[in-house]
Amino acid sequence: MHYLFLAYQDKPPGEELARAALASSEALRASGYLLAEVDLAEVTAVTVSRKNGSVVLTDGPEAGHQPLAALFFIEARDLNEAIQLAARMPQALSGSIEIRPFTVWIK
């Protein structure tokens, strides 16, 4: 199964957390779990929606109070294994990690 981990952070990571996150990513990659990782340079976002036939732009992420900091594409046996992997990540200490199953469609 493929899972998308969305890492949300309350504040920019300090040097210690950044080093721990890098080590965690390397360990996930070496063990074959990590398929790809995207670190987001900006914590700002623009959310696009449509309301009553009009396009509505909202500054910032719509989903929650914590800015989205990174995306991790993970391959795990099942949701339980994905939860165990996310719980060990340092990003879970200073924010939260949302887990979503995904399917890749390539045209």
PDB file of N, CA and C in Angstrom:
ATOM      1  N   MET A   1       0.841  -1.181   0.000  1.00  0.00           N
ATOM      2  CA  MET A   1       0.000   0.000   0.000  1.00  0.00           C
ATOM      3  C   MET A   1       0.886   1.244   0.000  1.00  0.00           C
ATOM      4  N   HIS A   2       0.403   2.257  -0.642  1.00  0.00           N
ATOM      5  CA  HIS A   2       1.110   3.535  -0.653  1.00  0.00           C
ATOM      6  C   HIS A   2       0.386   4.516   0.255  1.00  0.00           C
ATOM      7  N   TYR A   3       1.161   5.274   1.021  1.00  0.00           N
ATOM      8  CA  TYR A   3       0.603   6.268   1.935  1.00  0.00           C
ATOM      9  C   TYR A   3       1.326   7.595   1.760  1.00  0.00           C
ATOM     10  N   LEU A   4       0.552   8.651   1.848  1.00  0.00           N
ATOM     11  CA  LEU A   4       1.095   9.999   1.841  1.00  0.00           C
ATOM     12  C   LEU A   4       1.100  10.493   3.274  1.00  0.00           C
ATOM     13  N   PHE A   5       2.270  10.863   3.778  1.00  0.00           N
ATOM     14  CA  PHE A   5       2.392  11.462   5.109  1.00  0.00           C
ATOM     15  C   PHE A   5       2.484  12.968   4.909  1.00  0.00           C
ATOM     16  N   LEU A   6       1.577  13.710   5.493  1.00  0.00           N
ATOM     17  CA  LEU A   6       1.600  15.166   5.449  1.00  0.00           C
ATOM     18  C   LEU A   6       2.078  15.644   6.811  1.00  0.00           C
ATOM     19  N   ALA A   7       3.268  16.227   6.865  1.00  0.00           N
ATOM     20  CA  ALA A   7       3.866  16.660   8.134  1.00  0.00           C
ATOM     21  C   ALA A   7       3.547  18.133   8.370  1.00  0.00           C
ATOM     22  N   TYR A   8       2.834  18.407   9.456  1.00  0.00           N
ATOM     23  CA  TYR A   8       2.478  19.766   9.846  1.00  0.00           C
ATOM     24  C   TYR A   8       3.352  20.178  11.024  1.00  0.00           C
ATOM     25  N   GLN A   9       3.802  21.427  11.033  1.00  0.00           N
ATOM     26  CA  GLN A   9       4.688  21.914  12.088  1.00  0.00           C
ATOM     27  C   GLN A   9       4.118  23.175  12.723  1.00  0.00           C
ATOM     28  N   ASP A  10       4.201  23.250  14.055  1.00  0.00           N
ATOM     29  CA  ASP A  10       3.737  24.431  14.777  1.00  0.00           C
ATOM     30  C   ASP A  10       4.628  25.635  14.498  1.00  0.00           C
ATOM     31  N   LYS A  11       5.925  25.370  14.330  1.00  0.00           N
ATOM     32  CA  LYS A  11       6.898  26.437  14.102  1.00  0.00           C
ATOM     33  C   LYS A  11       8.053  25.852  13.302  1.00  0.00           C
ATOM     34  N   PRO A  12       8.907  26.698  12.736  1.00  0.00           N
ATOM     35  CA  PRO A  12      10.055  26.158  11.988  1.00  0.00           C
ATOM     36  C   PRO A  12      10.916  25.273  12.898  1.00  0.00           C
ATOM     37  N   PRO A  13      11.417  24.167  12.348  1.00  0.00           N
ATOM     38  CA  PRO A  13      12.201  23.251  13.181  1.00  0.00           C
ATOM     39  C   PRO A  13      13.539  23.870  13.581  1.00  0.00           C
ATOM     40  N   GLY A  14      13.961  23.581  14.789  1.00  0.00           N
ATOM     41  CA  GLY A  14      15.288  23.989  15.230  1.00  0.00           C
ATOM     42  C   GLY A  14      16.335  23.089  14.609  1.00  0.00           C
ATOM     43  N   GLU A  15      17.581  23.404  14.870  1.00  0.00           N
ATOM     44  CA  GLU A  15      18.684  22.645  14.272  1.00  0.00           C
ATOM     45  C   GLU A  15      18.654  21.178  14.685  1.00  0.00           C
ATOM     46  N   GLU A  16      18.337  20.912  15.954  1.00  0.00           N
ATOM     47  CA  GLU A  16      18.310  19.534  16.446  1.00  0.00           C
ATOM     48  C   GLU A  16      17.215  18.719  15.755  1.00  0.00           C
ATOM     49  N   LEU A  17      16.013  19.298  15.634  1.00  0.00           N
ATOM     50  CA  LEU A  17      14.922  18.593  14.965  1.00  0.00           C
ATOM     51  C   LEU A  17      15.233  18.403  13.486  1.00  0.00           C
ATOM     52  N   ALA A  18      15.833  19.398  12.850  1.00  0.00           N
ATOM     53  CA  ALA A  18      16.180  19.287  11.433  1.00  0.00           C
ATOM     54  C   ALA A  18      17.158  18.131  11.208  1.00  0.00           C
ATOM     55  N   ARG A  19      18.157  17.989  12.089  1.00  0.00           N
ATOM     56  CA  ARG A  19      19.112  16.876  11.971  1.00  0.00           C
ATOM     57  C   ARG A  19      18.407  15.538  12.193  1.00  0.00           C
ATOM     58  N   ALA A  20      17.526  15.485  13.191  1.00  0.00           N
ATOM     59  CA  ALA A  20      16.799  14.245  13.476  1.00  0.00           C
ATOM     60  C   ALA A  20      15.882  13.876  12.316  1.00  0.00           C
ATOM     61  N   ALA A  21      15.239  14.878  11.702  1.00  0.00           N
ATOM     62  CA  ALA A  21      14.353  14.630  10.564  1.00  0.00           C
ATOM     63  C   ALA A  21      15.141  14.095   9.372  1.00  0.00           C
ATOM     64  N   LEU A  22      16.315  14.657   9.126  1.00  0.00           N
ATOM     65  CA  LEU A  22      17.164  14.187   8.039  1.00  0.00           C
ATOM     66  C   LEU A  22      17.581  12.735   8.274  1.00  0.00           C
ATOM     67  N   ALA A  23      17.970  12.418   9.502  1.00  0.00           N
ATOM     68  CA  ALA A  23      18.359  11.044   9.833  1.00  0.00           C
ATOM     69  C   ALA A  23      17.172  10.089   9.685  1.00  0.00           C
ATOM     70  N   SER A  24      15.997  10.540  10.084  1.00  0.00           N
ATOM     71  CA  SER A  24      14.791   9.720   9.947  1.00  0.00           C
ATOM     72  C   SER A  24      14.492   9.434   8.481  1.00  0.00           C
ATOM     73  N   SER A  25      14.593  10.455   7.636  1.00  0.00           N
ATOM     74  CA  SER A  25      14.356  10.269   6.206  1.00  0.00           C
ATOM     75  C   SER A  25      15.362   9.296   5.600  1.00  0.00           C
ATOM     76  N   GLU A  26      16.619   9.434   5.991  1.00  0.00           N
ATOM     77  CA  GLU A  26      17.657   8.524   5.479  1.00  0.00           C
ATOM     78  C   GLU A  26      17.374   7.091   5.906  1.00  0.00           C
ATOM     79  N   ALA A  27      16.919   6.893   7.150  1.00  0.00           N
ATOM     80  CA  ALA A  27      16.608   5.551   7.639  1.00  0.00           C
ATOM     81  C   ALA A  27      15.408   4.964   6.892  1.00  0.00           C
ATOM     82  N   LEU A  28      14.383   5.776   6.653  1.00  0.00           N
ATOM     83  CA  LEU A  28      13.216   5.311   5.894  1.00  0.00           C
ATOM     84  C   LEU A  28      13.607   4.960   4.462  1.00  0.00           C
ATOM     85  N   ARG A  29      14.469   5.771   3.856  1.00  0.00           N
ATOM     86  CA  ARG A  29      14.925   5.523   2.485  1.00  0.00           C
ATOM     87  C   ARG A  29      15.749   4.233   2.430  1.00  0.00           C
ATOM     88  N   ALA A  30      16.671   4.064   3.364  1.00  0.00           N
ATOM     89  CA  ALA A  30      17.540   2.889   3.387  1.00  0.00           C
ATOM     90  C   ALA A  30      16.750   1.603   3.613  1.00  0.00           C
ATOM     91  N   SER A  31      15.660   1.697   4.365  1.00  0.00           N
ATOM     92  CA  SER A  31      14.854   0.507   4.650  1.00  0.00           C
ATOM     93  C   SER A  31      13.831   0.222   3.555  1.00  0.00           C
ATOM     94  N   GLY A  32      13.740   1.108   2.550  1.00  0.00           N
ATOM     95  CA  GLY A  32      12.850   0.876   1.427  1.00  0.00           C
ATOM     96  C   GLY A  32      11.436   1.413   1.603  1.00  0.00           C
ATOM     97  N   TYR A  33      11.154   2.059   2.723  1.00  0.00           N
ATOM     98  CA  TYR A  33       9.807   2.603   2.956  1.00  0.00           C
ATOM     99  C   TYR A  33       9.570   3.917   2.206  1.00  0.00           C
ATOM    100  N   LEU A  34      10.579   4.776   2.164  1.00  0.00           N
ATOM    101  CA  LEU A  34      10.413   6.116   1.601  1.00  0.00           C
ATOM    102  C   LEU A  34      10.566   6.080   0.083  1.00  0.00           C
ATOM    103  N   LEU A  35       9.494   6.422  -0.631  1.00  0.00           N
ATOM    104  CA  LEU A  35       9.525   6.466  -2.086  1.00  0.00           C
ATOM    105  C   LEU A  35       9.965   7.829  -2.584  1.00  0.00           C
ATOM    106  N   ALA A  36       9.506   8.902  -1.926  1.00  0.00           N
ATOM    107  CA  ALA A  36       9.863  10.271  -2.295  1.00  0.00           C
ATOM    108  C   ALA A  36       9.526  11.185  -1.130  1.00  0.00           C
ATOM    109  N   GLU A  37      10.189  12.331  -1.095  1.00  0.00           N
ATOM    110  CA  GLU A  37       9.958  13.316  -0.037  1.00  0.00           C
ATOM    111  C   GLU A  37       9.969  14.703  -0.667  1.00  0.00           C
ATOM    112  N   VAL A  38       9.073  15.563  -0.205  1.00  0.00           N
ATOM    113  CA  VAL A  38       9.018  16.937  -0.675  1.00  0.00           C
ATOM    114  C   VAL A  38       9.051  17.841   0.547  1.00  0.00           C
ATOM    115  N   ASP A  39      10.109  18.632   0.687  1.00  0.00           N
ATOM    116  CA  ASP A  39      10.168  19.643   1.735  1.00  0.00           C
ATOM    117  C   ASP A  39       9.631  20.936   1.148  1.00  0.00           C
ATOM    118  N   LEU A  40       8.695  21.550   1.840  1.00  0.00           N
ATOM    119  CA  LEU A  40       8.096  22.781   1.349  1.00  0.00           C
ATOM    120  C   LEU A  40       8.888  23.965   1.865  1.00  0.00           C
ATOM    121  N   ALA A  41       9.338  24.817   0.942  1.00  0.00           N
ATOM    122  CA  ALA A  41      10.193  25.951   1.297  1.00  0.00           C
ATOM    123  C   ALA A  41       9.416  27.043   2.023  1.00  0.00           C
ATOM    124  N   GLU A  42       8.179  27.202   1.693  1.00  0.00           N
ATOM    125  CA  GLU A  42       7.363  28.258   2.289  1.00  0.00           C
ATOM    126  C   GLU A  42       6.263  27.624   3.120  1.00  0.00           C
ATOM    127  N   VAL A  43       5.913  28.256   4.219  1.00  0.00           N
ATOM    128  CA  VAL A  43       4.798  27.754   5.020  1.00  0.00           C
ATOM    129  C   VAL A  43       3.489  28.424   4.622  1.00  0.00           C
ATOM    130  N   THR A  44       3.556  29.313   3.643  1.00  0.00           N
ATOM    131  CA  THR A  44       2.345  29.970   3.170  1.00  0.00           C
ATOM    132  C   THR A  44       1.730  29.146   2.052  1.00  0.00           C
ATOM    133  N   ALA A  45       0.474  29.389   1.807  1.00  0.00           N
ATOM    134  CA  ALA A  45      -0.223  28.675   0.748  1.00  0.00           C
ATOM    135  C   ALA A  45      -1.373  29.533   0.255  1.00  0.00           C
ATOM    136  N   VAL A  46      -1.881  29.176  -0.892  1.00  0.00           N
ATOM    137  CA  VAL A  46      -3.113  29.749  -1.412  1.00  0.00           C
ATOM    138  C   VAL A  46      -4.049  28.569  -1.646  1.00  0.00           C
ATOM    139  N   THR A  47      -5.236  28.637  -1.092  1.00  0.00           N
ATOM    140  CA  THR A  47      -6.223  27.586  -1.267  1.00  0.00           C
ATOM    141  C   THR A  47      -7.243  28.045  -2.304  1.00  0.00           C
ATOM    142  N   VAL A  48      -7.498  27.209  -3.292  1.00  0.00           N
ATOM    143  CA  VAL A  48      -8.433  27.522  -4.368  1.00  0.00           C
ATOM    144  C   VAL A  48      -9.697  26.695  -4.168  1.00  0.00           C
ATOM    145  N   SER A  49     -10.841  27.372  -4.241  1.00  0.00           N
ATOM    146  CA  SER A  49     -12.117  26.666  -4.177  1.00  0.00           C
ATOM    147  C   SER A  49     -13.101  27.363  -5.114  1.00  0.00           C
ATOM    148  N   ARG A  50     -14.228  26.717  -5.336  1.00  0.00           N
ATOM    149  CA  ARG A  50     -15.272  27.319  -6.169  1.00  0.00           C
ATOM    150  C   ARG A  50     -16.539  27.391  -5.336  1.00  0.00           C
ATOM    151  N   LYS A  51     -17.129  28.566  -5.286  1.00  0.00           N
ATOM    152  CA  LYS A  51     -18.362  28.784  -4.535  1.00  0.00           C
ATOM    153  C   LYS A  51     -19.326  29.546  -5.431  1.00  0.00           C
ATOM    154  N   ASN A  52     -20.503  28.994  -5.633  1.00  0.00           N
ATOM    155  CA  ASN A  52     -21.538  29.635  -6.441  1.00  0.00           C
ATOM    156  C   ASN A  52     -21.035  30.032  -7.829  1.00  0.00           C
ATOM    157  N   GLY A  53     -20.223  29.166  -8.436  1.00  0.00           N
ATOM    158  CA  GLY A  53     -19.727  29.423  -9.779  1.00  0.00           C
ATOM    159  C   GLY A  53     -18.538  30.352  -9.863  1.00  0.00           C
ATOM    160  N   SER A  54     -18.057  30.859  -8.742  1.00  0.00           N
ATOM    161  CA  SER A  54     -16.905  31.771  -8.734  1.00  0.00           C
ATOM    162  C   SER A  54     -15.700  31.091  -8.095  1.00  0.00           C
ATOM    163  N   VAL A  55     -14.528  31.480  -8.548  1.00  0.00           N
ATOM    164  CA  VAL A  55     -13.293  31.000  -7.948  1.00  0.00           C
ATOM    165  C   VAL A  55     -12.999  31.844  -6.719  1.00  0.00           C
ATOM    166  N   VAL A  56     -12.738  31.168  -5.593  1.00  0.00           N
ATOM    167  CA  VAL A  56     -12.437  31.850  -4.338  1.00  0.00           C
ATOM    168  C   VAL A  56     -11.019  31.484  -3.918  1.00  0.00           C
ATOM    169  N   LEU A  57     -10.196  32.500  -3.664  1.00  0.00           N
ATOM    170  CA  LEU A  57      -8.828  32.287  -3.196  1.00  0.00           C
ATOM    171  C   LEU A  57      -8.763  32.662  -1.723  1.00  0.00           C
ATOM    172  N   THR A  58      -8.152  31.784  -0.937  1.00  0.00           N
ATOM    173  CA  THR A  58      -7.971  32.034   0.485  1.00  0.00           C
ATOM    174  C   THR A  58      -6.483  31.966   0.781  1.00  0.00           C
ATOM    175  N   ASP A  59      -5.958  32.975   1.433  1.00  0.00           N
ATOM    176  CA  ASP A  59      -4.551  32.937   1.835  1.00  0.00           C
ATOM    177  C   ASP A  59      -4.388  31.911   2.938  1.00  0.00           C
ATOM    178  N   GLY A  60      -3.366  31.084   2.790  1.00  0.00           N
ATOM    179  CA  GLY A  60      -3.058  30.113   3.825  1.00  0.00           C
ATOM    180  C   GLY A  60      -3.700  28.768   3.571  1.00  0.00           C
ATOM    181  N   PRO A  61      -3.234  27.769   4.323  1.00  0.00           N
ATOM    182  CA  PRO A  61      -3.796  26.429   4.185  1.00  0.00           C
ATOM    183  C   PRO A  61      -5.201  26.397   4.768  1.00  0.00           C
ATOM    184  N   GLU A  62      -6.063  25.649   4.137  1.00  0.00           N
ATOM    185  CA  GLU A  62      -7.459  25.560   4.567  1.00  0.00           C
ATOM    186  C   GLU A  62      -7.645  24.478   5.624  1.00  0.00           C
ATOM    187  N   ALA A  63      -6.762  23.488   5.629  1.00  0.00           N
ATOM    188  CA  ALA A  63      -7.023  22.283   6.398  1.00  0.00           C
ATOM    189  C   ALA A  63      -6.908  22.446   7.906  1.00  0.00           C
ATOM    190  N   GLY A  64      -5.998  23.251   8.399  1.00  0.00           N
ATOM    191  CA  GLY A  64      -5.828  23.271   9.841  1.00  0.00           C
ATOM    192  C   GLY A  64      -5.019  24.444  10.319  1.00  0.00           C
ATOM    193  N   HIS A  65      -4.649  24.373  11.578  1.00  0.00           N
ATOM    194  CA  HIS A  65      -3.945  25.481  12.219  1.00  0.00           C
ATOM    195  C   HIS A  65      -2.434  25.411  12.027  1.00  0.00           C
ATOM    196  N   GLN A  66      -1.905  24.226  11.755  1.00  0.00           N
ATOM    197  CA  GLN A  66      -0.471  24.071  11.595  1.00  0.00           C
ATOM    198  C   GLN A  66      -0.113  24.142  10.112  1.00  0.00           C
ATOM    199  N   PRO A  67       0.942  24.874   9.765  1.00  0.00           N
ATOM    200  CA  PRO A  67       1.364  24.912   8.360  1.00  0.00           C
ATOM    201  C   PRO A  67       1.908  23.559   7.907  1.00  0.00           C
ATOM    202  N   LEU A  68       1.614  23.212   6.670  1.00  0.00           N
ATOM    203  CA  LEU A  68       2.143  21.992   6.070  1.00  0.00           C
ATOM    204  C   LEU A  68       3.617  22.211   5.770  1.00  0.00           C
ATOM    205  N   ALA A  69       4.485  21.334   6.282  1.00  0.00           N
ATOM    206  CA  ALA A  69       5.927  21.515   6.153  1.00  0.00           C
ATOM    207  C   ALA A  69       6.567  20.567   5.143  1.00  0.00           C
ATOM    208  N   ALA A  70       6.037  19.347   5.011  1.00  0.00           N
ATOM    209  CA  ALA A  70       6.670  18.366   4.129  1.00  0.00           C
ATOM    210  C   ALA A  70       5.680  17.272   3.759  1.00  0.00           C
ATOM    211  N   LEU A  71       5.978  16.604   2.647  1.00  0.00           N
ATOM    212  CA  LEU A  71       5.201  15.455   2.191  1.00  0.00           C
ATOM    213  C   LEU A  71       6.144  14.267   2.067  1.00  0.00           C
ATOM    214  N   PHE A  72       5.695  13.113   2.508  1.00  0.00           N
ATOM    215  CA  PHE A  72       6.480  11.890   2.401  1.00  0.00           C
ATOM    216  C   PHE A  72       5.621  10.841   1.715  1.00  0.00           C
ATOM    217  N   PHE A  73       6.138  10.224   0.660  1.00  0.00           N
ATOM    218  CA  PHE A  73       5.445   9.163  -0.043  1.00  0.00           C
ATOM    219  C   PHE A  73       6.023   7.846   0.455  1.00  0.00           C
ATOM    220  N   ILE A  74       5.195   7.065   1.135  1.00  0.00           N
ATOM    221  CA  ILE A  74       5.639   5.884   1.870  1.00  0.00           C
ATOM    222  C   ILE A  74       4.989   4.635   1.297  1.00  0.00           C
ATOM    223  N   GLU A  75       5.738   3.542   1.257  1.00  0.00           N
ATOM    224  CA  GLU A  75       5.182   2.239   0.926  1.00  0.00           C
ATOM    225  C   GLU A  75       5.263   1.379   2.182  1.00  0.00           C
ATOM    226  N   ALA A  76       4.112   0.936   2.670  1.00  0.00           N
ATOM    227  CA  ALA A  76       4.045   0.120   3.883  1.00  0.00           C
ATOM    228  C   ALA A  76       3.075  -1.037   3.634  1.00  0.00           C
ATOM    229  N   ARG A  77       3.163  -2.079   4.460  1.00  0.00           N
ATOM    230  CA  ARG A  77       2.294  -3.250   4.300  1.00  0.00           C
ATOM    231  C   ARG A  77       0.820  -2.890   4.472  1.00  0.00           C
ATOM    232  N   ASP A  78       0.537  -2.054   5.484  1.00  0.00           N
ATOM    233  CA  ASP A  78      -0.849  -1.688   5.783  1.00  0.00           C
ATOM    234  C   ASP A  78      -0.859  -0.418   6.626  1.00  0.00           C
ATOM    235  N   LEU A  79      -2.047   0.035   6.991  1.00  0.00           N
ATOM    236  CA  LEU A  79      -2.174   1.269   7.763  1.00  0.00           C
ATOM    237  C   LEU A  79      -1.487   1.168   9.120  1.00  0.00           C
ATOM    238  N   ASN A  80      -1.548   0.020   9.751  1.00  0.00           N
ATOM    239  CA  ASN A  80      -0.890  -0.136  11.057  1.00  0.00           C
ATOM    240  C   ASN A  80       0.610   0.095  10.961  1.00  0.00           C
ATOM    241  N   GLU A  81       1.234  -0.456   9.930  1.00  0.00           N
ATOM    242  CA  GLU A  81       2.666  -0.236   9.750  1.00  0.00           C
ATOM    243  C   GLU A  81       2.943   1.235   9.438  1.00  0.00           C
ATOM    244  N   ALA A  82       2.092   1.862   8.630  1.00  0.00           N
ATOM    245  CA  ALA A  82       2.267   3.282   8.317  1.00  0.00           C
ATOM    246  C   ALA A  82       2.176   4.132   9.579  1.00  0.00           C
ATOM    247  N   ILE A  83       1.244   3.806  10.463  1.00  0.00           N
ATOM    248  CA  ILE A  83       1.108   4.537  11.735  1.00  0.00           C
ATOM    249  C   ILE A  83       2.366   4.373  12.576  1.00  0.00           C
ATOM    250  N   GLN A  84       2.900   3.170  12.637  1.00  0.00           N
ATOM    251  CA  GLN A  84       4.129   2.929  13.404  1.00  0.00           C
ATOM    252  C   GLN A  84       5.290   3.740  12.848  1.00  0.00           C
ATOM    253  N   LEU A  85       5.399   3.800  11.523  1.00  0.00           N
ATOM    254  CA  LEU A  85       6.476   4.581  10.902  1.00  0.00           C
ATOM    255  C   LEU A  85       6.320   6.067  11.219  1.00  0.00           C
ATOM    256  N   ALA A  86       5.115   6.597  11.079  1.00  0.00           N
ATOM    257  CA  ALA A  86       4.878   8.020  11.348  1.00  0.00           C
ATOM    258  C   ALA A  86       5.142   8.362  12.805  1.00  0.00           C
ATOM    259  N   ALA A  87       4.782   7.481  13.701  1.00  0.00           N
ATOM    260  CA  ALA A  87       4.970   7.739  15.128  1.00  0.00           C
ATOM    261  C   ALA A  87       6.440   7.845  15.505  1.00  0.00           C
ATOM    262  N   ARG A  88       7.313   7.210  14.749  1.00  0.00           N
ATOM    263  CA  ARG A  88       8.755   7.267  15.036  1.00  0.00           C
ATOM    264  C   ARG A  88       9.434   8.482  14.433  1.00  0.00           C
ATOM    265  N   MET A  89       8.743   9.216  13.568  1.00  0.00           N
ATOM    266  CA  MET A  89       9.356  10.362  12.900  1.00  0.00           C
ATOM    267  C   MET A  89       9.439  11.558  13.850  1.00  0.00           C
ATOM    268  N   PRO A  90      10.559  12.282  13.858  1.00  0.00           N
ATOM    269  CA  PRO A  90      10.719  13.440  14.741  1.00  0.00           C
ATOM    270  C   PRO A  90       9.686  14.530  14.482  1.00  0.00           C
ATOM    271  N   GLN A  91       9.181  14.605  13.270  1.00  0.00           N
ATOM    272  CA  GLN A  91       8.189  15.627  12.944  1.00  0.00           C
ATOM    273  C   GLN A  91       6.921  15.460  13.785  1.00  0.00           C
ATOM    274  N   ALA A  92       6.654  14.256  14.255  1.00  0.00           N
ATOM    275  CA  ALA A  92       5.470  14.016  15.086  1.00  0.00           C
ATOM    276  C   ALA A  92       5.631  14.620  16.482  1.00  0.00           C
ATOM    277  N   LEU A  93       6.860  14.938  16.876  1.00  0.00           N
ATOM    278  CA  LEU A  93       7.108  15.527  18.193  1.00  0.00           C
ATOM    279  C   LEU A  93       6.767  17.010  18.247  1.00  0.00           C
ATOM    280  N   SER A  94       6.964  17.715  17.139  1.00  0.00           N
ATOM    281  CA  SER A  94       6.759  19.163  17.150  1.00  0.00           C
ATOM    282  C   SER A  94       5.579  19.592  16.287  1.00  0.00           C
ATOM    283  N   GLY A  95       4.789  18.646  15.838  1.00  0.00           N
ATOM    284  CA  GLY A  95       3.635  18.945  15.008  1.00  0.00           C
ATOM    285  C   GLY A  95       2.780  17.704  14.899  1.00  0.00           C
ATOM    286  N   SER A  96       2.332  17.396  13.713  1.00  0.00           N
ATOM    287  CA  SER A  96       1.527  16.195  13.509  1.00  0.00           C
ATOM    288  C   SER A  96       1.776  15.658  12.107  1.00  0.00           C
ATOM    289  N   ILE A  97       1.458  14.390  11.914  1.00  0.00           N
ATOM    290  CA  ILE A  97       1.604  13.757  10.609  1.00  0.00           C
ATOM    291  C   ILE A  97       0.266  13.131  10.242  1.00  0.00           C
ATOM    292  N   GLU A  98      -0.299  13.622   9.166  1.00  0.00           N
ATOM    293  CA  GLU A  98      -1.557  13.074   8.645  1.00  0.00           C
ATOM    294  C   GLU A  98      -1.204  11.979   7.650  1.00  0.00           C
ATOM    295  N   ILE A  99      -1.912  10.866   7.713  1.00  0.00           N
ATOM    296  CA  ILE A  99      -1.641   9.729   6.832  1.00  0.00           C
ATOM    297  C   ILE A  99      -2.844   9.536   5.911  1.00  0.00           C
ATOM    298  N   ARG A 100      -2.561   9.486   4.615  1.00  0.00           N
ATOM    299  CA  ARG A 100      -3.616   9.234   3.625  1.00  0.00           C
ATOM    300  C   ARG A 100      -3.141   8.196   2.634  1.00  0.00           C
ATOM    301  N   PRO A 101      -3.959   7.175   2.355  1.00  0.00           N
ATOM    302  CA  PRO A 101      -3.605   6.234   1.295  1.00  0.00           C
ATOM    303  C   PRO A 101      -3.703   6.935  -0.058  1.00  0.00           C
ATOM    304  N   PHE A 102      -2.882   6.525  -1.007  1.00  0.00           N
ATOM    305  CA  PHE A 102      -2.949   7.127  -2.337  1.00  0.00           C
ATOM    306  C   PHE A 102      -2.636   6.094  -3.408  1.00  0.00           C
ATOM    307  N   THR A 103      -3.072   6.411  -4.607  1.00  0.00           N
ATOM    308  CA  THR A 103      -2.788   5.601  -5.789  1.00  0.00           C
ATOM    309  C   THR A 103      -2.125   6.520  -6.812  1.00  0.00           C
ATOM    310  N   VAL A 104      -1.104   6.022  -7.462  1.00  0.00           N
ATOM    311  CA  VAL A 104      -0.409   6.792  -8.491  1.00  0.00           C
ATOM    312  C   VAL A 104      -1.027   6.444  -9.840  1.00  0.00           C
ATOM    313  N   TRP A 105      -1.426   7.491 -10.556  1.00  0.00           N
ATOM    314  CA  TRP A 105      -1.940   7.327 -11.912  1.00  0.00           C
ATOM    315  C   TRP A 105      -0.979   8.016 -12.857  1.00  0.00           C
ATOM    316  N   ILE A 106      -0.420   7.271 -13.773  1.00  0.00           N
ATOM    317  CA  ILE A 106       0.503   7.826 -14.743  1.00  0.00           C
ATOM    318  C   ILE A 106      -0.091   7.636 -16.129  1.00  0.00           C
ATOM    319  N   LYS A 107      -0.182   8.696 -16.856  1.00  0.00           N
ATOM    320  CA  LYS A 107      -0.767   8.641 -18.188  1.00  0.00           C
ATOM    321  C   LYS A 107       0.296   8.376 -19.221  1.00  0.00           C
TER     322      LYS A 107
END
